[in-house]
Amino acid sequence: MNYTGKHLTKAALKLGYMIKEGGKHILVFDPTTGRLISIFPRGKIKKKGTLAAILKQLGVTEAELKNLI
C-alpha cells in the first residue's frame, strides 16, 4: 500500500502524539516531553526506507499502521 502523510498523521494521533503542520512536512511530538519524534512529508511516502524509518520513530510496524488507519 502507498502511504501518505495523511495516513501517518491519522496513525500518530491515534497513538497519542501531538501534530504540528509546517509547509511541506508534518512534525510529530511526544505530548509528555514535547520532544520531536518524527518529521515526514505531506505527500506520498515514495521510498520504503523512508517509511521504515518513520515507523521505527513512531514505534509501530507496518501491520500495526494498517490497523490504525
N, C-alpha and C. Protein backbone atom coordinates (compact mmCIF):
# COMPACT_ATOMS: atom_id res chain seq x y z
N MET A 1 0.84 -1.19 0.00
CA MET A 1 0.00 0.00 0.00
C MET A 1 0.89 1.25 0.00
N ASN A 2 0.46 2.24 -0.72
CA ASN A 2 1.17 3.52 -0.72
C ASN A 2 0.63 4.38 0.41
N TYR A 3 1.52 4.84 1.27
CA TYR A 3 1.11 5.66 2.40
C TYR A 3 1.40 7.12 2.12
N THR A 4 0.60 7.98 2.72
CA THR A 4 0.79 9.42 2.59
C THR A 4 0.96 10.03 3.98
N GLY A 5 1.30 11.29 4.00
CA GLY A 5 1.40 12.00 5.26
C GLY A 5 0.08 11.98 6.02
N LYS A 6 -1.03 11.98 5.29
CA LYS A 6 -2.35 11.94 5.92
C LYS A 6 -2.54 10.63 6.69
N HIS A 7 -2.12 9.52 6.10
CA HIS A 7 -2.21 8.22 6.78
C HIS A 7 -1.37 8.22 8.06
N LEU A 8 -0.14 8.71 7.94
CA LEU A 8 0.77 8.72 9.09
C LEU A 8 0.29 9.67 10.18
N THR A 9 -0.30 10.79 9.78
CA THR A 9 -0.85 11.74 10.76
C THR A 9 -1.98 11.09 11.55
N LYS A 10 -2.87 10.41 10.84
CA LYS A 10 -4.00 9.73 11.49
C LYS A 10 -3.50 8.70 12.50
N ALA A 11 -2.50 7.92 12.10
CA ALA A 11 -1.93 6.91 13.00
C ALA A 11 -1.26 7.55 14.20
N ALA A 12 -0.49 8.60 13.97
CA ALA A 12 0.22 9.28 15.07
C ALA A 12 -0.76 9.85 16.09
N LEU A 13 -1.85 10.43 15.61
CA LEU A 13 -2.86 10.96 16.53
C LEU A 13 -3.50 9.85 17.36
N LYS A 14 -3.77 8.71 16.74
CA LYS A 14 -4.35 7.58 17.47
C LYS A 14 -3.37 7.02 18.50
N LEU A 15 -2.07 7.18 18.24
CA LEU A 15 -1.05 6.73 19.18
C LEU A 15 -0.82 7.73 20.31
N GLY A 16 -1.48 8.89 20.22
CA GLY A 16 -1.39 9.88 21.29
C GLY A 16 -0.35 10.96 21.08
N TYR A 17 0.24 11.04 19.91
CA TYR A 17 1.23 12.07 19.62
C TYR A 17 0.56 13.40 19.27
N MET A 18 1.30 14.49 19.44
CA MET A 18 0.83 15.82 19.02
C MET A 18 1.37 16.08 17.62
N ILE A 19 0.59 16.79 16.82
CA ILE A 19 0.96 17.08 15.44
C ILE A 19 1.08 18.58 15.24
N LYS A 20 2.12 18.98 14.52
CA LYS A 20 2.26 20.37 14.09
C LYS A 20 2.53 20.33 12.60
N GLU A 21 1.73 21.06 11.85
CA GLU A 21 1.89 21.05 10.40
C GLU A 21 2.69 22.26 9.95
N GLY A 22 3.76 21.97 9.22
CA GLY A 22 4.59 23.03 8.66
C GLY A 22 4.27 23.20 7.19
N GLY A 23 5.20 23.70 6.42
CA GLY A 23 4.99 23.92 4.99
C GLY A 23 4.69 22.63 4.24
N LYS A 24 5.72 21.87 3.94
CA LYS A 24 5.55 20.63 3.20
C LYS A 24 5.69 19.39 4.08
N HIS A 25 5.90 19.60 5.37
CA HIS A 25 6.13 18.49 6.28
C HIS A 25 5.22 18.54 7.50
N ILE A 26 5.10 17.40 8.14
CA ILE A 26 4.31 17.26 9.36
C ILE A 26 5.28 16.86 10.47
N LEU A 27 5.21 17.54 11.59
CA LEU A 27 6.08 17.26 12.73
C LEU A 27 5.28 16.54 13.80
N VAL A 28 5.88 15.52 14.40
CA VAL A 28 5.22 14.71 15.43
C VAL A 28 5.98 14.88 16.73
N PHE A 29 5.26 15.23 17.79
CA PHE A 29 5.86 15.47 19.10
C PHE A 29 5.29 14.53 20.15
N ASP A 30 6.12 14.18 21.13
CA ASP A 30 5.68 13.42 22.30
C ASP A 30 4.94 14.39 23.21
N PRO A 31 3.68 14.11 23.57
CA PRO A 31 2.92 15.07 24.38
C PRO A 31 3.43 15.24 25.81
N THR A 32 4.10 14.23 26.35
CA THR A 32 4.57 14.34 27.74
C THR A 32 5.85 15.14 27.86
N THR A 33 6.74 15.01 26.87
CA THR A 33 8.02 15.70 26.95
C THR A 33 8.12 16.88 26.00
N GLY A 34 7.26 16.90 24.98
CA GLY A 34 7.34 17.94 23.96
C GLY A 34 8.47 17.69 22.98
N ARG A 35 9.10 16.52 23.09
CA ARG A 35 10.24 16.16 22.24
C ARG A 35 9.79 15.80 20.83
N LEU A 36 10.53 16.26 19.84
CA LEU A 36 10.25 15.94 18.44
C LEU A 36 10.54 14.46 18.21
N ILE A 37 9.55 13.74 17.68
CA ILE A 37 9.69 12.31 17.44
C ILE A 37 10.02 12.03 15.98
N SER A 38 9.31 12.68 15.07
CA SER A 38 9.48 12.39 13.66
C SER A 38 9.05 13.57 12.81
N ILE A 39 9.57 13.63 11.60
CA ILE A 39 9.15 14.61 10.60
C ILE A 39 8.90 13.82 9.32
N PHE A 40 7.76 14.03 8.68
CA PHE A 40 7.51 13.35 7.41
C PHE A 40 6.77 14.27 6.45
N PRO A 41 6.89 13.98 5.15
CA PRO A 41 6.25 14.84 4.14
C PRO A 41 4.74 14.66 4.11
N ARG A 42 4.04 15.67 3.63
CA ARG A 42 2.58 15.61 3.50
C ARG A 42 2.14 14.62 2.42
N GLY A 43 2.89 14.55 1.35
CA GLY A 43 2.50 13.74 0.19
C GLY A 43 2.83 12.26 0.38
N LYS A 44 2.93 11.56 -0.75
CA LYS A 44 3.22 10.14 -0.72
C LYS A 44 4.61 9.87 -0.18
N ILE A 45 4.71 8.79 0.59
CA ILE A 45 5.99 8.31 1.08
C ILE A 45 6.48 7.34 0.00
N LYS A 46 7.43 7.77 -0.81
CA LYS A 46 7.80 7.03 -2.01
C LYS A 46 8.82 5.93 -1.77
N LYS A 47 9.72 6.12 -0.83
CA LYS A 47 10.78 5.13 -0.62
C LYS A 47 10.48 4.27 0.60
N LYS A 48 10.69 2.97 0.44
CA LYS A 48 10.42 2.01 1.51
C LYS A 48 11.27 2.30 2.74
N GLY A 49 12.51 2.73 2.55
CA GLY A 49 13.39 3.05 3.68
C GLY A 49 12.90 4.24 4.47
N THR A 50 12.31 5.22 3.78
CA THR A 50 11.75 6.39 4.47
C THR A 50 10.60 5.97 5.36
N LEU A 51 9.71 5.14 4.82
CA LEU A 51 8.58 4.65 5.61
C LEU A 51 9.08 3.84 6.80
N ALA A 52 10.06 2.98 6.58
CA ALA A 52 10.60 2.15 7.67
C ALA A 52 11.17 3.02 8.79
N ALA A 53 11.88 4.08 8.42
CA ALA A 53 12.46 4.98 9.43
C ALA A 53 11.38 5.70 10.22
N ILE A 54 10.34 6.17 9.54
CA ILE A 54 9.24 6.87 10.22
C ILE A 54 8.52 5.92 11.18
N LEU A 55 8.24 4.70 10.72
CA LEU A 55 7.55 3.73 11.58
C LEU A 55 8.40 3.38 12.80
N LYS A 56 9.70 3.27 12.62
CA LYS A 56 10.60 3.00 13.75
C LYS A 56 10.53 4.14 14.76
N GLN A 57 10.52 5.38 14.27
CA GLN A 57 10.45 6.54 15.16
C GLN A 57 9.12 6.58 15.92
N LEU A 58 8.04 6.15 15.24
CA LEU A 58 6.72 6.14 15.88
C LEU A 58 6.53 4.92 16.78
N GLY A 59 7.37 3.91 16.61
CA GLY A 59 7.29 2.71 17.44
C GLY A 59 6.21 1.74 17.01
N VAL A 60 5.94 1.66 15.69
CA VAL A 60 4.93 0.73 15.18
C VAL A 60 5.48 -0.03 13.98
N THR A 61 4.84 -1.15 13.67
CA THR A 61 5.19 -1.91 12.48
C THR A 61 4.23 -1.52 11.36
N GLU A 62 4.52 -1.98 10.15
CA GLU A 62 3.64 -1.67 9.03
C GLU A 62 2.27 -2.32 9.22
N ALA A 63 2.24 -3.52 9.80
CA ALA A 63 0.96 -4.20 10.07
C ALA A 63 0.13 -3.40 11.08
N GLU A 64 0.79 -2.87 12.11
CA GLU A 64 0.08 -2.05 13.10
C GLU A 64 -0.42 -0.75 12.47
N LEU A 65 0.38 -0.20 11.55
CA LEU A 65 -0.04 1.02 10.85
C LEU A 65 -1.32 0.78 10.07
N LYS A 66 -1.40 -0.36 9.38
CA LYS A 66 -2.61 -0.69 8.61
C LYS A 66 -3.83 -0.74 9.52
N ASN A 67 -3.68 -1.28 10.72
CA ASN A 67 -4.80 -1.35 11.66
C ASN A 67 -5.20 0.02 12.20
N LEU A 68 -4.24 0.94 12.29
CA LEU A 68 -4.52 2.27 12.82
C LEU A 68 -5.24 3.17 11.83
N ILE A 69 -5.01 2.92 10.53
CA ILE A 69 -5.64 3.79 9.53
C ILE A 69 -6.80 3.11 8.92
